Amino acid sequence: MPGAGYSVNIDALQSTVRQLRCLADSLDTPRASARYDTAIPTGILGRGFAGAAALSDKHDEMRDWLESTIGELQGFIERYGSQTKQAAEAYTEQELRTRQDLFSSAGGA
């Protein structure tokens, strides 16, 4: 029985792509905040003792880690979104070919 195979909801795939893009874009602000809005000014913790330097260094390390982690998450989302978009396009093309084949086999009526 033709058409009894599987069905793909292309609209849902396209919606997923849009949502993933919005999510990746929404992470731009936290990523920039991690980099630029979390500064410990030089000397604010005092000068000349190891604790101030260690805290400042740890802060810089954590800031870099957070920015990197958000960037990796954005990259993952972008890759997954791209793959989902490609799948949606492939299913759309296949659907069009199938319709054309059915139209052609019906004599173009």
PDB file of N, CA and C in Angstrom:
ATOM      1  N   MET A   1       0.852  -1.175   0.000  1.00  0.00           N
ATOM      2  CA  MET A   1       0.000   0.000   0.000  1.00  0.00           C
ATOM      3  C   MET A   1       0.900   1.241   0.000  1.00  0.00           C
ATOM      4  N   PRO A   2       0.893   2.055  -1.054  1.00  0.00           N
ATOM      5  CA  PRO A   2       1.723   3.249  -1.124  1.00  0.00           C
ATOM      6  C   PRO A   2       1.334   4.243  -0.035  1.00  0.00           C
ATOM      7  N   GLY A   3       2.343   4.898   0.504  1.00  0.00           N
ATOM      8  CA  GLY A   3       2.094   5.922   1.509  1.00  0.00           C
ATOM      9  C   GLY A   3       1.889   5.374   2.911  1.00  0.00           C
ATOM     10  N   ALA A   4       1.980   4.071   3.067  1.00  0.00           N
ATOM     11  CA  ALA A   4       1.768   3.482   4.383  1.00  0.00           C
ATOM     12  C   ALA A   4       3.058   3.425   5.185  1.00  0.00           C
ATOM     13  N   GLY A   5       4.137   3.985   4.638  1.00  0.00           N
ATOM     14  CA  GLY A   5       5.435   3.971   5.318  1.00  0.00           C
ATOM     15  C   GLY A   5       5.451   4.926   6.492  1.00  0.00           C
ATOM     16  N   TYR A   6       6.391   5.802   6.464  1.00  0.00           N
ATOM     17  CA  TYR A   6       6.541   6.733   7.573  1.00  0.00           C
ATOM     18  C   TYR A   6       6.160   8.137   7.134  1.00  0.00           C
ATOM     19  N   SER A   7       5.971   8.974   8.110  1.00  0.00           N
ATOM     20  CA  SER A   7       5.600  10.356   7.848  1.00  0.00           C
ATOM     21  C   SER A   7       6.538  11.262   8.642  1.00  0.00           C
ATOM     22  N   VAL A   8       6.973  12.335   8.014  1.00  0.00           N
ATOM     23  CA  VAL A   8       7.858  13.292   8.674  1.00  0.00           C
ATOM     24  C   VAL A   8       7.137  14.631   8.742  1.00  0.00           C
ATOM     25  N   ASN A   9       7.104  15.197   9.918  1.00  0.00           N
ATOM     26  CA  ASN A   9       6.478  16.501  10.100  1.00  0.00           C
ATOM     27  C   ASN A   9       7.518  17.576   9.793  1.00  0.00           C
ATOM     28  N   ILE A  10       7.537  18.032   8.552  1.00  0.00           N
ATOM     29  CA  ILE A  10       8.521  19.007   8.102  1.00  0.00           C
ATOM     30  C   ILE A  10       8.341  20.336   8.826  1.00  0.00           C
ATOM     31  N   ASP A  11       7.108  20.717   9.078  1.00  0.00           N
ATOM     32  CA  ASP A  11       6.864  21.960   9.811  1.00  0.00           C
ATOM     33  C   ASP A  11       7.498  21.912  11.204  1.00  0.00           C
ATOM     34  N   ALA A  12       7.421  20.761  11.854  1.00  0.00           N
ATOM     35  CA  ALA A  12       8.027  20.616  13.184  1.00  0.00           C
ATOM     36  C   ALA A  12       9.551  20.725  13.097  1.00  0.00           C
ATOM     37  N   LEU A  13      10.142  20.134  12.052  1.00  0.00           N
ATOM     38  CA  LEU A  13      11.585  20.254  11.870  1.00  0.00           C
ATOM     39  C   LEU A  13      11.989  21.710  11.653  1.00  0.00           C
ATOM     40  N   GLN A  14      11.249  22.407  10.802  1.00  0.00           N
ATOM     41  CA  GLN A  14      11.559  23.811  10.541  1.00  0.00           C
ATOM     42  C   GLN A  14      11.365  24.659  11.793  1.00  0.00           C
ATOM     43  N   SER A  15      10.366  24.344  12.576  1.00  0.00           N
ATOM     44  CA  SER A  15      10.133  25.050  13.832  1.00  0.00           C
ATOM     45  C   SER A  15      11.302  24.812  14.800  1.00  0.00           C
ATOM     46  N   THR A  16      11.793  23.585  14.829  1.00  0.00           N
ATOM     47  CA  THR A  16      12.940  23.258  15.683  1.00  0.00           C
ATOM     48  C   THR A  16      14.168  24.067  15.274  1.00  0.00           C
ATOM     49  N   VAL A  17      14.388  24.198  13.978  1.00  0.00           N
ATOM     50  CA  VAL A  17      15.521  24.989  13.483  1.00  0.00           C
ATOM     51  C   VAL A  17      15.400  26.436  13.954  1.00  0.00           C
ATOM     52  N   ARG A  18      14.214  27.007  13.816  1.00  0.00           N
ATOM     53  CA  ARG A  18      14.009  28.400  14.258  1.00  0.00           C
ATOM     54  C   ARG A  18      14.250  28.538  15.755  1.00  0.00           C
ATOM     55  N   GLN A  19      13.745  27.599  16.526  1.00  0.00           N
ATOM     56  CA  GLN A  19      13.910  27.659  17.976  1.00  0.00           C
ATOM     57  C   GLN A  19      15.383  27.527  18.376  1.00  0.00           C
ATOM     58  N   LEU A  20      16.107  26.653  17.690  1.00  0.00           N
ATOM     59  CA  LEU A  20      17.524  26.479  18.001  1.00  0.00           C
ATOM     60  C   LEU A  20      18.314  27.748  17.666  1.00  0.00           C
ATOM     61  N   ARG A  21      17.977  28.364  16.555  1.00  0.00           N
ATOM     62  CA  ARG A  21      18.661  29.615  16.194  1.00  0.00           C
ATOM     63  C   ARG A  21      18.387  30.699  17.229  1.00  0.00           C
ATOM     64  N   CYS A  22      17.156  30.795  17.672  1.00  0.00           N
ATOM     65  CA  CYS A  22      16.811  31.785  18.704  1.00  0.00           C
ATOM     66  C   CYS A  22      17.568  31.498  19.991  1.00  0.00           C
ATOM     67  N   LEU A  23      17.660  30.234  20.356  1.00  0.00           N
ATOM     68  CA  LEU A  23      18.377  29.855  21.570  1.00  0.00           C
ATOM     69  C   LEU A  23      19.855  30.224  21.462  1.00  0.00           C
ATOM     70  N   ALA A  24      20.476  29.886  20.339  1.00  0.00           N
ATOM     71  CA  ALA A  24      21.895  30.216  20.153  1.00  0.00           C
ATOM     72  C   ALA A  24      22.102  31.724  20.199  1.00  0.00           C
ATOM     73  N   ASP A  25      21.218  32.468  19.553  1.00  0.00           N
ATOM     74  CA  ASP A  25      21.330  33.935  19.563  1.00  0.00           C
ATOM     75  C   ASP A  25      21.140  34.499  20.968  1.00  0.00           C
ATOM     76  N   SER A  26      20.245  33.888  21.737  1.00  0.00           N
ATOM     77  CA  SER A  26      19.977  34.396  23.087  1.00  0.00           C
ATOM     78  C   SER A  26      21.182  34.208  24.014  1.00  0.00           C
ATOM     79  N   LEU A  27      22.113  33.348  23.640  1.00  0.00           N
ATOM     80  CA  LEU A  27      23.296  33.120  24.470  1.00  0.00           C
ATOM     81  C   LEU A  27      24.408  34.135  24.201  1.00  0.00           C
ATOM     82  N   ASP A  28      24.234  34.977  23.183  1.00  0.00           N
ATOM     83  CA  ASP A  28      25.247  35.997  22.904  1.00  0.00           C
ATOM     84  C   ASP A  28      25.429  36.943  24.093  1.00  0.00           C
ATOM     85  N   THR A  29      24.331  37.377  24.687  1.00  0.00           N
ATOM     86  CA  THR A  29      24.413  38.317  25.807  1.00  0.00           C
ATOM     87  C   THR A  29      25.093  37.690  27.030  1.00  0.00           C
ATOM     88  N   PRO A  30      24.695  36.488  27.471  1.00  0.00           N
ATOM     89  CA  PRO A  30      25.416  35.888  28.602  1.00  0.00           C
ATOM     90  C   PRO A  30      26.899  35.664  28.310  1.00  0.00           C
ATOM     91  N   ARG A  31      27.211  35.301  27.069  1.00  0.00           N
ATOM     92  CA  ARG A  31      28.622  35.082  26.712  1.00  0.00           C
ATOM     93  C   ARG A  31      29.404  36.389  26.822  1.00  0.00           C
ATOM     94  N   ALA A  32      28.847  37.461  26.292  1.00  0.00           N
ATOM     95  CA  ALA A  32      29.514  38.763  26.383  1.00  0.00           C
ATOM     96  C   ALA A  32      29.591  39.225  27.835  1.00  0.00           C
ATOM     97  N   SER A  33      28.538  38.962  28.607  1.00  0.00           N
ATOM     98  CA  SER A  33      28.550  39.338  30.024  1.00  0.00           C
ATOM     99  C   SER A  33      29.643  38.590  30.779  1.00  0.00           C
ATOM    100  N   ALA A  34      29.789  37.319  30.465  1.00  0.00           N
ATOM    101  CA  ALA A  34      30.836  36.539  31.121  1.00  0.00           C
ATOM    102  C   ALA A  34      32.202  37.162  30.860  1.00  0.00           C
ATOM    103  N   ARG A  35      32.390  37.654  29.676  1.00  0.00           N
ATOM    104  CA  ARG A  35      33.689  38.222  29.298  1.00  0.00           C
ATOM    105  C   ARG A  35      33.880  39.640  29.843  1.00  0.00           C
ATOM    106  N   TYR A  36      32.871  40.485  29.696  1.00  0.00           N
ATOM    107  CA  TYR A  36      33.082  41.914  29.920  1.00  0.00           C
ATOM    108  C   TYR A  36      32.427  42.486  31.183  1.00  0.00           C
ATOM    109  N   ASP A  37      31.476  41.779  31.751  1.00  0.00           N
ATOM    110  CA  ASP A  37      30.747  42.336  32.895  1.00  0.00           C
ATOM    111  C   ASP A  37      31.129  41.706  34.225  1.00  0.00           C
ATOM    112  N   THR A  38      32.166  40.928  34.254  1.00  0.00           N
ATOM    113  CA  THR A  38      32.555  40.259  35.497  1.00  0.00           C
ATOM    114  C   THR A  38      34.005  40.562  35.844  1.00  0.00           C
ATOM    115  N   ALA A  39      34.352  41.802  35.787  1.00  0.00           N
ATOM    116  CA  ALA A  39      35.743  42.182  36.056  1.00  0.00           C
ATOM    117  C   ALA A  39      35.986  42.428  37.546  1.00  0.00           C
ATOM    118  N   ILE A  40      37.149  42.062  37.990  1.00  0.00           N
ATOM    119  CA  ILE A  40      37.625  42.438  39.319  1.00  0.00           C
ATOM    120  C   ILE A  40      38.747  43.439  39.064  1.00  0.00           C
ATOM    121  N   PRO A  41      38.494  44.707  39.342  1.00  0.00           N
ATOM    122  CA  PRO A  41      39.513  45.726  39.069  1.00  0.00           C
ATOM    123  C   PRO A  41      40.811  45.454  39.839  1.00  0.00           C
ATOM    124  N   THR A  42      41.916  45.742  39.179  1.00  0.00           N
ATOM    125  CA  THR A  42      43.221  45.562  39.800  1.00  0.00           C
ATOM    126  C   THR A  42      43.295  46.367  41.097  1.00  0.00           C
ATOM    127  N   GLY A  43      43.726  45.716  42.134  1.00  0.00           N
ATOM    128  CA  GLY A  43      43.916  46.379  43.412  1.00  0.00           C
ATOM    129  C   GLY A  43      42.700  46.420  44.318  1.00  0.00           C
ATOM    130  N   ILE A  44      41.534  46.067  43.824  1.00  0.00           N
ATOM    131  CA  ILE A  44      40.311  46.134  44.633  1.00  0.00           C
ATOM    132  C   ILE A  44      40.374  45.186  45.833  1.00  0.00           C
ATOM    133  N   LEU A  45      41.102  44.096  45.680  1.00  0.00           N
ATOM    134  CA  LEU A  45      41.214  43.109  46.751  1.00  0.00           C
ATOM    135  C   LEU A  45      42.449  43.344  47.618  1.00  0.00           C
ATOM    136  N   GLY A  46      43.144  44.420  47.346  1.00  0.00           N
ATOM    137  CA  GLY A  46      44.376  44.724  48.080  1.00  0.00           C
ATOM    138  C   GLY A  46      45.579  44.462  47.193  1.00  0.00           C
ATOM    139  N   ARG A  47      46.733  44.770  47.721  1.00  0.00           N
ATOM    140  CA  ARG A  47      47.970  44.593  46.959  1.00  0.00           C
ATOM    141  C   ARG A  47      49.026  43.923  47.837  1.00  0.00           C
ATOM    142  N   GLY A  48      49.867  43.194  47.166  1.00  0.00           N
ATOM    143  CA  GLY A  48      51.035  42.663  47.843  1.00  0.00           C
ATOM    144  C   GLY A  48      50.822  41.402  48.655  1.00  0.00           C
ATOM    145  N   PHE A  49      49.698  40.729  48.505  1.00  0.00           N
ATOM    146  CA  PHE A  49      49.556  39.444  49.197  1.00  0.00           C
ATOM    147  C   PHE A  49      48.970  38.410  48.241  1.00  0.00           C
ATOM    148  N   ALA A  50      49.365  37.173  48.477  1.00  0.00           N
ATOM    149  CA  ALA A  50      49.059  36.077  47.555  1.00  0.00           C
ATOM    150  C   ALA A  50      47.566  35.832  47.399  1.00  0.00           C
ATOM    151  N   GLY A  51      46.790  36.039  48.443  1.00  0.00           N
ATOM    152  CA  GLY A  51      45.352  35.763  48.366  1.00  0.00           C
ATOM    153  C   GLY A  51      44.653  36.616  47.324  1.00  0.00           C
ATOM    154  N   ALA A  52      45.001  37.882  47.236  1.00  0.00           N
ATOM    155  CA  ALA A  52      44.372  38.769  46.252  1.00  0.00           C
ATOM    156  C   ALA A  52      44.710  38.321  44.840  1.00  0.00           C
ATOM    157  N   ALA A  53      45.963  38.008  44.617  1.00  0.00           N
ATOM    158  CA  ALA A  53      46.385  37.559  43.284  1.00  0.00           C
ATOM    159  C   ALA A  53      45.735  36.225  42.927  1.00  0.00           C
ATOM    160  N   ALA A  54      45.673  35.315  43.883  1.00  0.00           N
ATOM    161  CA  ALA A  54      45.077  33.999  43.633  1.00  0.00           C
ATOM    162  C   ALA A  54      43.594  34.128  43.303  1.00  0.00           C
ATOM    163  N   LEU A  55      42.886  34.975  44.039  1.00  0.00           N
ATOM    164  CA  LEU A  55      41.461  35.174  43.777  1.00  0.00           C
ATOM    165  C   LEU A  55      41.241  35.799  42.405  1.00  0.00           C
ATOM    166  N   SER A  56      42.030  36.771  42.086  1.00  0.00           N
ATOM    167  CA  SER A  56      41.926  37.423  40.781  1.00  0.00           C
ATOM    168  C   SER A  56      42.215  36.430  39.653  1.00  0.00           C
ATOM    169  N   ASP A  57      43.250  35.615  39.829  1.00  0.00           N
ATOM    170  CA  ASP A  57      43.591  34.610  38.816  1.00  0.00           C
ATOM    171  C   ASP A  57      42.471  33.581  38.655  1.00  0.00           C
ATOM    172  N   LYS A  58      41.900  33.136  39.787  1.00  0.00           N
ATOM    173  CA  LYS A  58      40.811  32.149  39.740  1.00  0.00           C
ATOM    174  C   LYS A  58      39.590  32.751  39.054  1.00  0.00           C
ATOM    175  N   HIS A  59      39.313  34.018  39.338  1.00  0.00           N
ATOM    176  CA  HIS A  59      38.204  34.701  38.678  1.00  0.00           C
ATOM    177  C   HIS A  59      38.419  34.714  37.164  1.00  0.00           C
ATOM    178  N   ASP A  60      39.603  35.075  36.730  1.00  0.00           N
ATOM    179  CA  ASP A  60      39.896  35.115  35.292  1.00  0.00           C
ATOM    180  C   ASP A  60      39.750  33.732  34.657  1.00  0.00           C
ATOM    181  N   GLU A  61      40.199  32.718  35.378  1.00  0.00           N
ATOM    182  CA  GLU A  61      40.085  31.337  34.889  1.00  0.00           C
ATOM    183  C   GLU A  61      38.618  30.939  34.731  1.00  0.00           C
ATOM    184  N   MET A  62      37.810  31.240  35.735  1.00  0.00           N
ATOM    185  CA  MET A  62      36.394  30.891  35.679  1.00  0.00           C
ATOM    186  C   MET A  62      35.660  31.700  34.613  1.00  0.00           C
ATOM    187  N   ARG A  63      36.001  32.962  34.467  1.00  0.00           N
ATOM    188  CA  ARG A  63      35.390  33.803  33.427  1.00  0.00           C
ATOM    189  C   ARG A  63      35.682  33.211  32.042  1.00  0.00           C
ATOM    190  N   ASP A  64      36.933  32.834  31.812  1.00  0.00           N
ATOM    191  CA  ASP A  64      37.308  32.250  30.523  1.00  0.00           C
ATOM    192  C   ASP A  64      36.584  30.920  30.297  1.00  0.00           C
ATOM    193  N   TRP A  65      36.482  30.109  31.360  1.00  0.00           N
ATOM    194  CA  TRP A  65      35.789  28.826  31.244  1.00  0.00           C
ATOM    195  C   TRP A  65      34.318  29.040  30.898  1.00  0.00           C
ATOM    196  N   LEU A  66      33.668  29.972  31.580  1.00  0.00           N
ATOM    197  CA  LEU A  66      32.250  30.220  31.334  1.00  0.00           C
ATOM    198  C   LEU A  66      32.025  30.714  29.904  1.00  0.00           C
ATOM    199  N   GLU A  67      32.841  31.639  29.465  1.00  0.00           N
ATOM    200  CA  GLU A  67      32.714  32.139  28.099  1.00  0.00           C
ATOM    201  C   GLU A  67      32.932  31.011  27.087  1.00  0.00           C
ATOM    202  N   SER A  68      33.920  30.185  27.325  1.00  0.00           N
ATOM    203  CA  SER A  68      34.215  29.059  26.436  1.00  0.00           C
ATOM    204  C   SER A  68      33.071  28.043  26.426  1.00  0.00           C
ATOM    205  N   THR A  69      32.527  27.753  27.600  1.00  0.00           N
ATOM    206  CA  THR A  69      31.429  26.789  27.698  1.00  0.00           C
ATOM    207  C   THR A  69      30.200  27.280  26.938  1.00  0.00           C
ATOM    208  N   ILE A  70      29.877  28.551  27.085  1.00  0.00           N
ATOM    209  CA  ILE A  70      28.741  29.114  26.348  1.00  0.00           C
ATOM    210  C   ILE A  70      29.011  29.044  24.851  1.00  0.00           C
ATOM    211  N   GLY A  71      30.239  29.349  24.440  1.00  0.00           N
ATOM    212  CA  GLY A  71      30.610  29.260  23.028  1.00  0.00           C
ATOM    213  C   GLY A  71      30.470  27.842  22.485  1.00  0.00           C
ATOM    214  N   GLU A  72      30.901  26.863  23.283  1.00  0.00           N
ATOM    215  CA  GLU A  72      30.753  25.466  22.864  1.00  0.00           C
ATOM    216  C   GLU A  72      29.286  25.082  22.737  1.00  0.00           C
ATOM    217  N   LEU A  73      28.479  25.539  23.671  1.00  0.00           N
ATOM    218  CA  LEU A  73      27.043  25.268  23.610  1.00  0.00           C
ATOM    219  C   LEU A  73      26.437  25.893  22.350  1.00  0.00           C
ATOM    220  N   GLN A  74      26.824  27.113  22.050  1.00  0.00           N
ATOM    221  CA  GLN A  74      26.337  27.757  20.829  1.00  0.00           C
ATOM    222  C   GLN A  74      26.768  26.959  19.593  1.00  0.00           C
ATOM    223  N   GLY A  75      27.993  26.486  19.588  1.00  0.00           N
ATOM    224  CA  GLY A  75      28.478  25.683  18.464  1.00  0.00           C
ATOM    225  C   GLY A  75      27.685  24.398  18.300  1.00  0.00           C
ATOM    226  N   PHE A  76      27.410  23.725  19.411  1.00  0.00           N
ATOM    227  CA  PHE A  76      26.615  22.497  19.367  1.00  0.00           C
ATOM    228  C   PHE A  76      25.218  22.785  18.827  1.00  0.00           C
ATOM    229  N   ILE A  77      24.603  23.840  19.326  1.00  0.00           N
ATOM    230  CA  ILE A  77      23.261  24.209  18.878  1.00  0.00           C
ATOM    231  C   ILE A  77      23.274  24.528  17.392  1.00  0.00           C
ATOM    232  N   GLU A  78      24.290  25.246  16.945  1.00  0.00           N
ATOM    233  CA  GLU A  78      24.393  25.606  15.528  1.00  0.00           C
ATOM    234  C   GLU A  78      24.564  24.361  14.653  1.00  0.00           C
ATOM    235  N   ARG A  79      25.413  23.431  15.091  1.00  0.00           N
ATOM    236  CA  ARG A  79      25.601  22.187  14.322  1.00  0.00           C
ATOM    237  C   ARG A  79      24.301  21.390  14.255  1.00  0.00           C
ATOM    238  N   TYR A  80      23.652  21.229  15.404  1.00  0.00           N
ATOM    239  CA  TYR A  80      22.400  20.467  15.448  1.00  0.00           C
ATOM    240  C   TYR A  80      21.332  21.163  14.608  1.00  0.00           C
ATOM    241  N   GLY A  81      21.255  22.479  14.704  1.00  0.00           N
ATOM    242  CA  GLY A  81      20.289  23.236  13.903  1.00  0.00           C
ATOM    243  C   GLY A  81      20.553  23.087  12.425  1.00  0.00           C
ATOM    244  N   SER A  82      21.817  23.112  12.046  1.00  0.00           N
ATOM    245  CA  SER A  82      22.178  22.951  10.635  1.00  0.00           C
ATOM    246  C   SER A  82      21.807  21.558  10.123  1.00  0.00           C
ATOM    247  N   GLN A  83      22.078  20.551  10.927  1.00  0.00           N
ATOM    248  CA  GLN A  83      21.717  19.182  10.543  1.00  0.00           C
ATOM    249  C   GLN A  83      20.201  19.028  10.429  1.00  0.00           C
ATOM    250  N   THR A  84      19.481  19.628  11.350  1.00  0.00           N
ATOM    251  CA  THR A  84      18.017  19.561  11.321  1.00  0.00           C
ATOM    252  C   THR A  84      17.480  20.274  10.089  1.00  0.00           C
ATOM    253  N   LYS A  85      18.076  21.424   9.761  1.00  0.00           N
ATOM    254  CA  LYS A  85      17.665  22.163   8.562  1.00  0.00           C
ATOM    255  C   LYS A  85      17.913  21.330   7.307  1.00  0.00           C
ATOM    256  N   GLN A  86      19.070  20.697   7.232  1.00  0.00           N
ATOM    257  CA  GLN A  86      19.376  19.850   6.074  1.00  0.00           C
ATOM    258  C   GLN A  86      18.390  18.691   5.959  1.00  0.00           C
ATOM    259  N   ALA A  87      18.034  18.106   7.084  1.00  0.00           N
ATOM    260  CA  ALA A  87      17.067  17.008   7.058  1.00  0.00           C
ATOM    261  C   ALA A  87      15.707  17.512   6.575  1.00  0.00           C
ATOM    262  N   ALA A  88      15.275  18.654   7.069  1.00  0.00           N
ATOM    263  CA  ALA A  88      13.987  19.216   6.645  1.00  0.00           C
ATOM    264  C   ALA A  88      14.000  19.498   5.144  1.00  0.00           C
ATOM    265  N   GLU A  89      15.093  20.054   4.647  1.00  0.00           N
ATOM    266  CA  GLU A  89      15.191  20.343   3.209  1.00  0.00           C
ATOM    267  C   GLU A  89      15.174  19.063   2.384  1.00  0.00           C
ATOM    268  N   ALA A  90      15.868  18.036   2.856  1.00  0.00           N
ATOM    269  CA  ALA A  90      15.889  16.756   2.136  1.00  0.00           C
ATOM    270  C   ALA A  90      14.498  16.131   2.094  1.00  0.00           C
ATOM    271  N   TYR A  91      13.782  16.170   3.219  1.00  0.00           N
ATOM    272  CA  TYR A  91      12.423  15.620   3.238  1.00  0.00           C
ATOM    273  C   TYR A  91      11.493  16.435   2.341  1.00  0.00           C
ATOM    274  N   THR A  92      11.663  17.748   2.331  1.00  0.00           N
ATOM    275  CA  THR A  92      10.838  18.600   1.472  1.00  0.00           C
ATOM    276  C   THR A  92      11.081  18.271   0.006  1.00  0.00           C
ATOM    277  N   GLU A  93      12.354  18.129  -0.360  1.00  0.00           N
ATOM    278  CA  GLU A  93      12.690  17.777  -1.752  1.00  0.00           C
ATOM    279  C   GLU A  93      12.110  16.419  -2.126  1.00  0.00           C
ATOM    280  N   GLN A  94      12.218  15.454  -1.219  1.00  0.00           N
ATOM    281  CA  GLN A  94      11.684  14.124  -1.502  1.00  0.00           C
ATOM    282  C   GLN A  94      10.171  14.173  -1.658  1.00  0.00           C
ATOM    283  N   GLU A  95       9.520  14.958  -0.831  1.00  0.00           N
ATOM    284  CA  GLU A  95       8.067  15.098  -0.925  1.00  0.00           C
ATOM    285  C   GLU A  95       7.672  15.699  -2.277  1.00  0.00           C
ATOM    286  N   LEU A  96       8.401  16.698  -2.719  1.00  0.00           N
ATOM    287  CA  LEU A  96       8.119  17.312  -4.027  1.00  0.00           C
ATOM    288  C   LEU A  96       8.337  16.317  -5.161  1.00  0.00           C
ATOM    289  N   ARG A  97       9.439  15.557  -5.080  1.00  0.00           N
ATOM    290  CA  ARG A  97       9.692  14.540  -6.116  1.00  0.00           C
ATOM    291  C   ARG A  97       8.587  13.494  -6.132  1.00  0.00           C
ATOM    292  N   THR A  98       8.145  13.080  -4.969  1.00  0.00           N
ATOM    293  CA  THR A  98       7.081  12.077  -4.888  1.00  0.00           C
ATOM    294  C   THR A  98       5.796  12.613  -5.503  1.00  0.00           C
ATOM    295  N   ARG A  99       5.462  13.854  -5.197  1.00  0.00           N
ATOM    296  CA  ARG A  99       4.261  14.460  -5.788  1.00  0.00           C
ATOM    297  C   ARG A  99       4.378  14.549  -7.304  1.00  0.00           C
ATOM    298  N   GLN A 100       5.559  14.941  -7.782  1.00  0.00           N
ATOM    299  CA  GLN A 100       5.763  15.034  -9.225  1.00  0.00           C
ATOM    300  C   GLN A 100       5.636  13.668  -9.877  1.00  0.00           C
ATOM    301  N   ASP A 101       6.209  12.641  -9.243  1.00  0.00           N
ATOM    302  CA  ASP A 101       6.114  11.275  -9.769  1.00  0.00           C
ATOM    303  C   ASP A 101       4.669  10.819  -9.813  1.00  0.00           C
ATOM    304  N   LEU A 102       3.892  11.109  -8.768  1.00  0.00           N
ATOM    305  CA  LEU A 102       2.493  10.708  -8.745  1.00  0.00           C
ATOM    306  C   LEU A 102       1.711  11.461  -9.819  1.00  0.00           C
ATOM    307  N   PHE A 103       2.007  12.725  -9.991  1.00  0.00           N
ATOM    308  CA  PHE A 103       1.332  13.543 -10.999  1.00  0.00           C
ATOM    309  C   PHE A 103       1.669  13.022 -12.398  1.00  0.00           C
ATOM    310  N   SER A 104       2.945  12.691 -12.617  1.00  0.00           N
ATOM    311  CA  SER A 104       3.383  12.181 -13.921  1.00  0.00           C
ATOM    312  C   SER A 104       2.772  10.812 -14.211  1.00  0.00           C
ATOM    313  N   SER A 105       2.707   9.946 -13.208  1.00  0.00           N
ATOM    314  CA  SER A 105       2.166   8.608 -13.436  1.00  0.00           C
ATOM    315  C   SER A 105       0.651   8.633 -13.631  1.00  0.00           C
ATOM    316  N   ALA A 106       0.015   9.715 -13.167  1.00  0.00           N
ATOM    317  CA  ALA A 106      -1.431   9.834 -13.330  1.00  0.00           C
ATOM    318  C   ALA A 106      -1.759  10.449 -14.700  1.00  0.00           C
ATOM    319  N   GLY A 107      -0.739  10.659 -15.496  1.00  0.00           N
ATOM    320  CA  GLY A 107      -0.974  11.189 -16.832  1.00  0.00           C
ATOM    321  C   GLY A 107      -1.015  12.712 -16.868  1.00  0.00           C
ATOM    322  N   GLY A 108      -0.553  13.350 -15.785  1.00  0.00           N
ATOM    323  CA  GLY A 108      -0.509  14.806 -15.763  1.00  0.00           C
ATOM    324  C   GLY A 108      -1.853  15.451 -15.670  1.00  0.00           C
ATOM    325  N   ALA A 109      -2.843  14.714 -15.264  1.00  0.00           N
ATOM    326  CA  ALA A 109      -4.197  15.261 -15.204  1.00  0.00           C
ATOM    327  C   ALA A 109      -4.440  16.100 -14.043  1.00  0.00           C
TER     328      ALA A 109
END
